[in-house]
Amino acid sequence: QDIKIQLRSLKRGCHIVVGTPGRIQD
């Protein structure tokens, strides 16, 4: 998935993250 989408979600603030280990590490 486009990492920019994820960066926006994380910057906005989120309570729950569901992810794969590789991208979480990134």
PDB file of all heavy atoms in Angstrom:
ATOM      1  N   GLN A   1       0.849  -1.186   0.000  1.00  0.00           N
ATOM      2  CA  GLN A   1       0.000   0.000   0.000  1.00  0.00           C
ATOM      3  C   GLN A   1       0.889   1.242   0.000  1.00  0.00           C
ATOM      4  O   GLN A   1       1.984   1.227   0.573  1.00  0.00           O
ATOM      5  CB  GLN A   1      -0.904   0.024   1.234  1.00  0.00           C
ATOM      6  CG  GLN A   1      -1.895   1.190   1.264  1.00  0.00           C
ATOM      7  CD  GLN A   1      -2.612   1.308   2.605  1.00  0.00           C
ATOM      8  OE1 GLN A   1      -1.982   1.327   3.654  1.00  0.00           O
ATOM      9  NE2 GLN A   1      -3.936   1.379   2.571  1.00  0.00           N
ATOM     10  N   ASP A   2       0.433   2.301  -0.638  1.00  0.00           N
ATOM     11  CA  ASP A   2       1.183   3.559  -0.659  1.00  0.00           C
ATOM     12  C   ASP A   2       1.482   3.991   0.777  1.00  0.00           C
ATOM     13  O   ASP A   2       0.567   4.201   1.582  1.00  0.00           O
ATOM     14  CB  ASP A   2       0.359   4.635  -1.368  1.00  0.00           C
ATOM     15  CG  ASP A   2       1.136   5.941  -1.586  1.00  0.00           C
ATOM     16  OD1 ASP A   2       2.187   6.123  -0.940  1.00  0.00           O
ATOM     17  OD2 ASP A   2       0.677   6.766  -2.389  1.00  0.00           O
ATOM     18  N   ILE A   3       2.763   4.137   1.086  1.00  0.00           N
ATOM     19  CA  ILE A   3       3.154   4.451   2.464  1.00  0.00           C
ATOM     20  C   ILE A   3       2.670   5.838   2.888  1.00  0.00           C
ATOM     21  O   ILE A   3       2.486   6.104   4.082  1.00  0.00           O
ATOM     22  CB  ILE A   3       4.685   4.321   2.638  1.00  0.00           C
ATOM     23  CG1 ILE A   3       5.036   4.191   4.134  1.00  0.00           C
ATOM     24  CG2 ILE A   3       5.404   5.487   1.989  1.00  0.00           C
ATOM     25  CD1 ILE A   3       6.443   3.718   4.389  1.00  0.00           C
ATOM     26  N   LYS A   4       2.408   6.719   1.917  1.00  0.00           N
ATOM     27  CA  LYS A   4       1.912   8.061   2.260  1.00  0.00           C
ATOM     28  C   LYS A   4       0.547   7.998   2.934  1.00  0.00           C
ATOM     29  O   LYS A   4       0.242   8.791   3.831  1.00  0.00           O
ATOM     30  CB  LYS A   4       1.846   8.930   1.005  1.00  0.00           C
ATOM     31  CG  LYS A   4       3.207   9.269   0.411  1.00  0.00           C
ATOM     32  CD  LYS A   4       3.063  10.110  -0.851  1.00  0.00           C
ATOM     33  CE  LYS A   4       4.434  10.403  -1.468  1.00  0.00           C
ATOM     34  NZ  LYS A   4       4.307  11.172  -2.725  1.00  0.00           N
ATOM     35  N   ILE A   5      -0.279   7.045   2.496  1.00  0.00           N
ATOM     36  CA  ILE A   5      -1.605   6.858   3.118  1.00  0.00           C
ATOM     37  C   ILE A   5      -1.427   6.479   4.582  1.00  0.00           C
ATOM     38  O   ILE A   5      -2.116   6.994   5.468  1.00  0.00           O
ATOM     39  CB  ILE A   5      -2.395   5.767   2.370  1.00  0.00           C
ATOM     40  CG1 ILE A   5      -2.677   6.196   0.926  1.00  0.00           C
ATOM     41  CG2 ILE A   5      -3.696   5.431   3.105  1.00  0.00           C
ATOM     42  CD1 ILE A   5      -3.297   5.118   0.072  1.00  0.00           C
ATOM     43  N   GLN A   6      -0.478   5.574   4.828  1.00  0.00           N
ATOM     44  CA  GLN A   6      -0.227   5.123   6.191  1.00  0.00           C
ATOM     45  C   GLN A   6       0.363   6.236   7.047  1.00  0.00           C
ATOM     46  O   GLN A   6       0.000   6.392   8.221  1.00  0.00           O
ATOM     47  CB  GLN A   6       0.695   3.901   6.166  1.00  0.00           C
ATOM     48  CG  GLN A   6       0.095   2.726   5.406  1.00  0.00           C
ATOM     49  CD  GLN A   6       1.077   1.606   5.173  1.00  0.00           C
ATOM     50  OE1 GLN A   6       2.210   1.641   5.657  1.00  0.00           O
ATOM     51  NE2 GLN A   6       0.642   0.583   4.441  1.00  0.00           N
ATOM     52  N   LEU A   7       1.256   7.009   6.461  1.00  0.00           N
ATOM     53  CA  LEU A   7       1.858   8.117   7.205  1.00  0.00           C
ATOM     54  C   LEU A   7       0.803   9.142   7.632  1.00  0.00           C
ATOM     55  O   LEU A   7       0.851   9.660   8.751  1.00  0.00           O
ATOM     56  CB  LEU A   7       2.939   8.794   6.355  1.00  0.00           C
ATOM     57  CG  LEU A   7       4.237   7.993   6.148  1.00  0.00           C
ATOM     58  CD1 LEU A   7       5.097   8.638   5.073  1.00  0.00           C
ATOM     59  CD2 LEU A   7       5.002   7.862   7.459  1.00  0.00           C
ATOM     60  N   ARG A   8      -0.153   9.416   6.742  1.00  0.00           N
ATOM     61  CA  ARG A   8      -1.228  10.357   7.095  1.00  0.00           C
ATOM     62  C   ARG A   8      -2.069   9.814   8.253  1.00  0.00           C
ATOM     63  O   ARG A   8      -2.441  10.557   9.167  1.00  0.00           O
ATOM     64  CB  ARG A   8      -2.106  10.629   5.873  1.00  0.00           C
ATOM     65  CG  ARG A   8      -1.485  11.565   4.864  1.00  0.00           C
ATOM     66  CD  ARG A   8      -2.528  12.132   3.892  1.00  0.00           C
ATOM     67  NE  ARG A   8      -3.140  11.086   3.083  1.00  0.00           N
ATOM     68  CZ  ARG A   8      -2.677  10.695   1.898  1.00  0.00           C
ATOM     69  NH1 ARG A   8      -1.589  11.259   1.397  1.00  0.00           N
ATOM     70  NH2 ARG A   8      -3.302   9.756   1.216  1.00  0.00           N
ATOM     71  N   SER A   9      -2.392   8.521   8.201  1.00  0.00           N
ATOM     72  CA  SER A   9      -3.196   7.906   9.270  1.00  0.00           C
ATOM     73  C   SER A   9      -2.479   7.971  10.609  1.00  0.00           C
ATOM     74  O   SER A   9      -3.078   8.300  11.642  1.00  0.00           O
ATOM     75  CB  SER A   9      -3.510   6.449   8.930  1.00  0.00           C
ATOM     76  OG  SER A   9      -4.324   6.361   7.789  1.00  0.00           O
ATOM     77  N   LEU A  10      -1.185   7.684  10.590  1.00  0.00           N
ATOM     78  CA  LEU A  10      -0.417   7.681  11.833  1.00  0.00           C
ATOM     79  C   LEU A  10      -0.224   9.094  12.372  1.00  0.00           C
ATOM     80  O   LEU A  10      -0.260   9.312  13.589  1.00  0.00           O
ATOM     81  CB  LEU A  10       0.940   7.004  11.606  1.00  0.00           C
ATOM     82  CG  LEU A  10       0.880   5.504  11.292  1.00  0.00           C
ATOM     83  CD1 LEU A  10       2.247   4.996  10.868  1.00  0.00           C
ATOM     84  CD2 LEU A  10       0.377   4.720  12.505  1.00  0.00           C
ATOM     85  N   LYS A  11      -0.031  10.055  11.477  1.00  0.00           N
ATOM     86  CA  LYS A  11       0.152  11.449  11.910  1.00  0.00           C
ATOM     87  C   LYS A  11      -1.136  12.002  12.518  1.00  0.00           C
ATOM     88  O   LYS A  11      -1.105  12.761  13.498  1.00  0.00           O
ATOM     89  CB  LYS A  11       0.591  12.304  10.721  1.00  0.00           C
ATOM     90  CG  LYS A  11       0.961  13.728  11.106  1.00  0.00           C
ATOM     91  CD  LYS A  11       1.497  14.507   9.909  1.00  0.00           C
ATOM     92  CE  LYS A  11       1.882  15.924  10.329  1.00  0.00           C
ATOM     93  NZ  LYS A  11       2.429  16.709   9.178  1.00  0.00           N
ATOM     94  N   ARG A  12      -2.283  11.615  11.926  1.00  0.00           N
ATOM     95  CA  ARG A  12      -3.583  12.072  12.439  1.00  0.00           C
ATOM     96  C   ARG A  12      -3.822  11.555  13.854  1.00  0.00           C
ATOM     97  O   ARG A  12      -4.469  12.203  14.679  1.00  0.00           O
ATOM     98  CB  ARG A  12      -4.694  11.566  11.505  1.00  0.00           C
ATOM     99  CG  ARG A  12      -6.115  11.898  11.950  1.00  0.00           C
ATOM    100  CD  ARG A  12      -7.116  11.060  11.164  1.00  0.00           C
ATOM    101  NE  ARG A  12      -6.947   9.643  11.449  1.00  0.00           N
ATOM    102  CZ  ARG A  12      -7.461   8.673  10.700  1.00  0.00           C
ATOM    103  NH1 ARG A  12      -8.123   8.969   9.614  1.00  0.00           N
ATOM    104  NH2 ARG A  12      -7.267   7.416  11.046  1.00  0.00           N
ATOM    105  N   GLY A  13      -3.283  10.376  14.130  1.00  0.00           N
ATOM    106  CA  GLY A  13      -3.487   9.742  15.430  1.00  0.00           C
ATOM    107  C   GLY A  13      -4.414   8.553  15.302  1.00  0.00           C
ATOM    108  O   GLY A  13      -5.493   8.682  14.725  1.00  0.00           O
ATOM    109  N   CYS A  14      -3.985   7.418  15.786  1.00  0.00           N
ATOM    110  CA  CYS A  14      -4.849   6.239  15.731  1.00  0.00           C
ATOM    111  C   CYS A  14      -4.657   5.414  17.000  1.00  0.00           C
ATOM    112  O   CYS A  14      -3.597   5.442  17.632  1.00  0.00           O
ATOM    113  CB  CYS A  14      -4.569   5.402  14.490  1.00  0.00           C
ATOM    114  SG  CYS A  14      -2.907   4.751  14.381  1.00  0.00           S
ATOM    115  N   HIS A  15      -5.703   4.700  17.360  1.00  0.00           N
ATOM    116  CA  HIS A  15      -5.702   3.931  18.599  1.00  0.00           C
ATOM    117  C   HIS A  15      -5.229   2.496  18.391  1.00  0.00           C
ATOM    118  O   HIS A  15      -4.648   1.890  19.291  1.00  0.00           O
ATOM    119  CB  HIS A  15      -7.118   3.892  19.190  1.00  0.00           C
ATOM    120  CG  HIS A  15      -7.711   5.244  19.434  1.00  0.00           C
ATOM    121  ND1 HIS A  15      -8.533   5.884  18.525  1.00  0.00           N
ATOM    122  CD2 HIS A  15      -7.582   6.104  20.485  1.00  0.00           C
ATOM    123  CE1 HIS A  15      -8.904   7.064  19.005  1.00  0.00           C
ATOM    124  NE2 HIS A  15      -8.345   7.223  20.198  1.00  0.00           N
ATOM    125  N   ILE A  16      -5.513   1.952  17.208  1.00  0.00           N
ATOM    126  CA  ILE A  16      -5.211   0.550  16.925  1.00  0.00           C
ATOM    127  C   ILE A  16      -4.429   0.466  15.621  1.00  0.00           C
ATOM    128  O   ILE A  16      -4.826   1.025  14.608  1.00  0.00           O
ATOM    129  CB  ILE A  16      -6.508  -0.282  16.793  1.00  0.00           C
ATOM    130  CG1 ILE A  16      -7.344  -0.187  18.074  1.00  0.00           C
ATOM    131  CG2 ILE A  16      -6.181  -1.745  16.472  1.00  0.00           C
ATOM    132  CD1 ILE A  16      -8.725  -0.828  17.951  1.00  0.00           C
ATOM    133  N   VAL A  17      -3.317  -0.246  15.659  1.00  0.00           N
ATOM    134  CA  VAL A  17      -2.546  -0.521  14.448  1.00  0.00           C
ATOM    135  C   VAL A  17      -2.575  -2.030  14.201  1.00  0.00           C
ATOM    136  O   VAL A  17      -2.295  -2.827  15.102  1.00  0.00           O
ATOM    137  CB  VAL A  17      -1.083  -0.032  14.579  1.00  0.00           C
ATOM    138  CG1 VAL A  17      -0.202  -0.659  13.497  1.00  0.00           C
ATOM    139  CG2 VAL A  17      -1.035   1.481  14.485  1.00  0.00           C
ATOM    140  N   VAL A  18      -2.954  -2.403  12.981  1.00  0.00           N
ATOM    141  CA  VAL A  18      -2.934  -3.807  12.555  1.00  0.00           C
ATOM    142  C   VAL A  18      -1.969  -3.901  11.390  1.00  0.00           C
ATOM    143  O   VAL A  18      -2.164  -3.225  10.365  1.00  0.00           O
ATOM    144  CB  VAL A  18      -4.331  -4.286  12.109  1.00  0.00           C
ATOM    145  CG1 VAL A  18      -4.285  -5.768  11.738  1.00  0.00           C
ATOM    146  CG2 VAL A  18      -5.366  -4.032  13.198  1.00  0.00           C
ATOM    147  N   GLY A  19      -0.918  -4.684  11.526  1.00  0.00           N
ATOM    148  CA  GLY A  19       0.064  -4.677  10.449  1.00  0.00           C
ATOM    149  C   GLY A  19       0.955  -5.883  10.372  1.00  0.00           C
ATOM    150  O   GLY A  19       0.921  -6.777  11.223  1.00  0.00           O
ATOM    151  N   THR A  20       1.748  -5.915   9.307  1.00  0.00           N
ATOM    152  CA  THR A  20       2.736  -6.964   9.105  1.00  0.00           C
ATOM    153  C   THR A  20       4.065  -6.523   9.720  1.00  0.00           C
ATOM    154  O   THR A  20       4.377  -5.322   9.745  1.00  0.00           O
ATOM    155  CB  THR A  20       2.922  -7.243   7.612  1.00  0.00           C
ATOM    156  OG1 THR A  20       3.179  -6.000   6.925  1.00  0.00           O
ATOM    157  CG2 THR A  20       1.661  -7.869   7.016  1.00  0.00           C
ATOM    158  N   PRO A  21       4.872  -7.471  10.213  1.00  0.00           N
ATOM    159  CA  PRO A  21       6.106  -7.095  10.918  1.00  0.00           C
ATOM    160  C   PRO A  21       7.049  -6.233  10.094  1.00  0.00           C
ATOM    161  O   PRO A  21       7.637  -5.281  10.615  1.00  0.00           O
ATOM    162  CB  PRO A  21       6.737  -8.452  11.252  1.00  0.00           C
ATOM    163  CG  PRO A  21       5.580  -9.392  11.337  1.00  0.00           C
ATOM    164  CD  PRO A  21       4.615  -8.927  10.291  1.00  0.00           C
ATOM    165  N   GLY A  22       7.198  -6.538   8.800  1.00  0.00           N
ATOM    166  CA  GLY A  22       8.129  -5.775   7.974  1.00  0.00           C
ATOM    167  C   GLY A  22       7.756  -4.317   7.863  1.00  0.00           C
ATOM    168  O   GLY A  22       8.602  -3.426   8.039  1.00  0.00           O
ATOM    169  N   ARG A  23       6.505  -4.018   7.570  1.00  0.00           N
ATOM    170  CA  ARG A  23       6.082  -2.621   7.418  1.00  0.00           C
ATOM    171  C   ARG A  23       6.015  -1.913   8.777  1.00  0.00           C
ATOM    172  O   ARG A  23       6.277  -0.709   8.853  1.00  0.00           O
ATOM    173  CB  ARG A  23       4.733  -2.558   6.707  1.00  0.00           C
ATOM    174  CG  ARG A  23       4.218  -1.149   6.390  1.00  0.00           C
ATOM    175  CD  ARG A  23       5.213  -0.268   5.660  1.00  0.00           C
ATOM    176  NE  ARG A  23       5.488  -0.670   4.295  1.00  0.00           N
ATOM    177  CZ  ARG A  23       4.860  -0.197   3.229  1.00  0.00           C
ATOM    178  NH1 ARG A  23       3.881   0.699   3.377  1.00  0.00           N
ATOM    179  NH2 ARG A  23       5.208  -0.578   2.022  1.00  0.00           N
ATOM    180  N   ILE A  24       5.662  -2.638   9.827  1.00  0.00           N
ATOM    181  CA  ILE A  24       5.692  -2.044  11.175  1.00  0.00           C
ATOM    182  C   ILE A  24       7.118  -1.588  11.500  1.00  0.00           C
ATOM    183  O   ILE A  24       7.346  -0.471  11.992  1.00  0.00           O
ATOM    184  CB  ILE A  24       5.194  -3.047  12.232  1.00  0.00           C
ATOM    185  CG1 ILE A  24       3.720  -3.381  12.038  1.00  0.00           C
ATOM    186  CG2 ILE A  24       5.456  -2.527  13.644  1.00  0.00           C
ATOM    187  CD1 ILE A  24       2.763  -2.257  12.330  1.00  0.00           C
ATOM    188  N   GLN A  25       8.101  -2.455  11.201  1.00  0.00           N
ATOM    189  CA  GLN A  25       9.505  -2.106  11.429  1.00  0.00           C
ATOM    190  C   GLN A  25       9.899  -0.880  10.613  1.00  0.00           C
ATOM    191  O   GLN A  25      10.635  -0.008  11.091  1.00  0.00           O
ATOM    192  CB  GLN A  25      10.403  -3.290  11.036  1.00  0.00           C
ATOM    193  CG  GLN A  25      10.435  -4.401  12.063  1.00  0.00           C
ATOM    194  CD  GLN A  25      11.560  -4.194  13.055  1.00  0.00           C
ATOM    195  OE1 GLN A  25      11.614  -3.172  13.744  1.00  0.00           O
ATOM    196  NE2 GLN A  25      12.449  -5.157  13.153  1.00  0.00           N
ATOM    197  N   ASP A  26       9.429  -0.817   9.394  1.00  0.00           N
ATOM    198  CA  ASP A  26       9.732   0.328   8.517  1.00  0.00           C
ATOM    199  C   ASP A  26       9.271   1.633   9.162  1.00  0.00           C
ATOM    200  O   ASP A  26      10.017   2.615   9.216  1.00  0.00           O
ATOM    201  CB  ASP A  26       9.032   0.119   7.165  1.00  0.00           C
ATOM    202  CG  ASP A  26       9.471   1.127   6.117  1.00  0.00           C
ATOM    203  OD1 ASP A  26      10.384   1.926   6.403  1.00  0.00           O
ATOM    204  OD2 ASP A  26       8.903   1.116   5.006  1.00  0.00           O
TER     205      ASP A  26
END
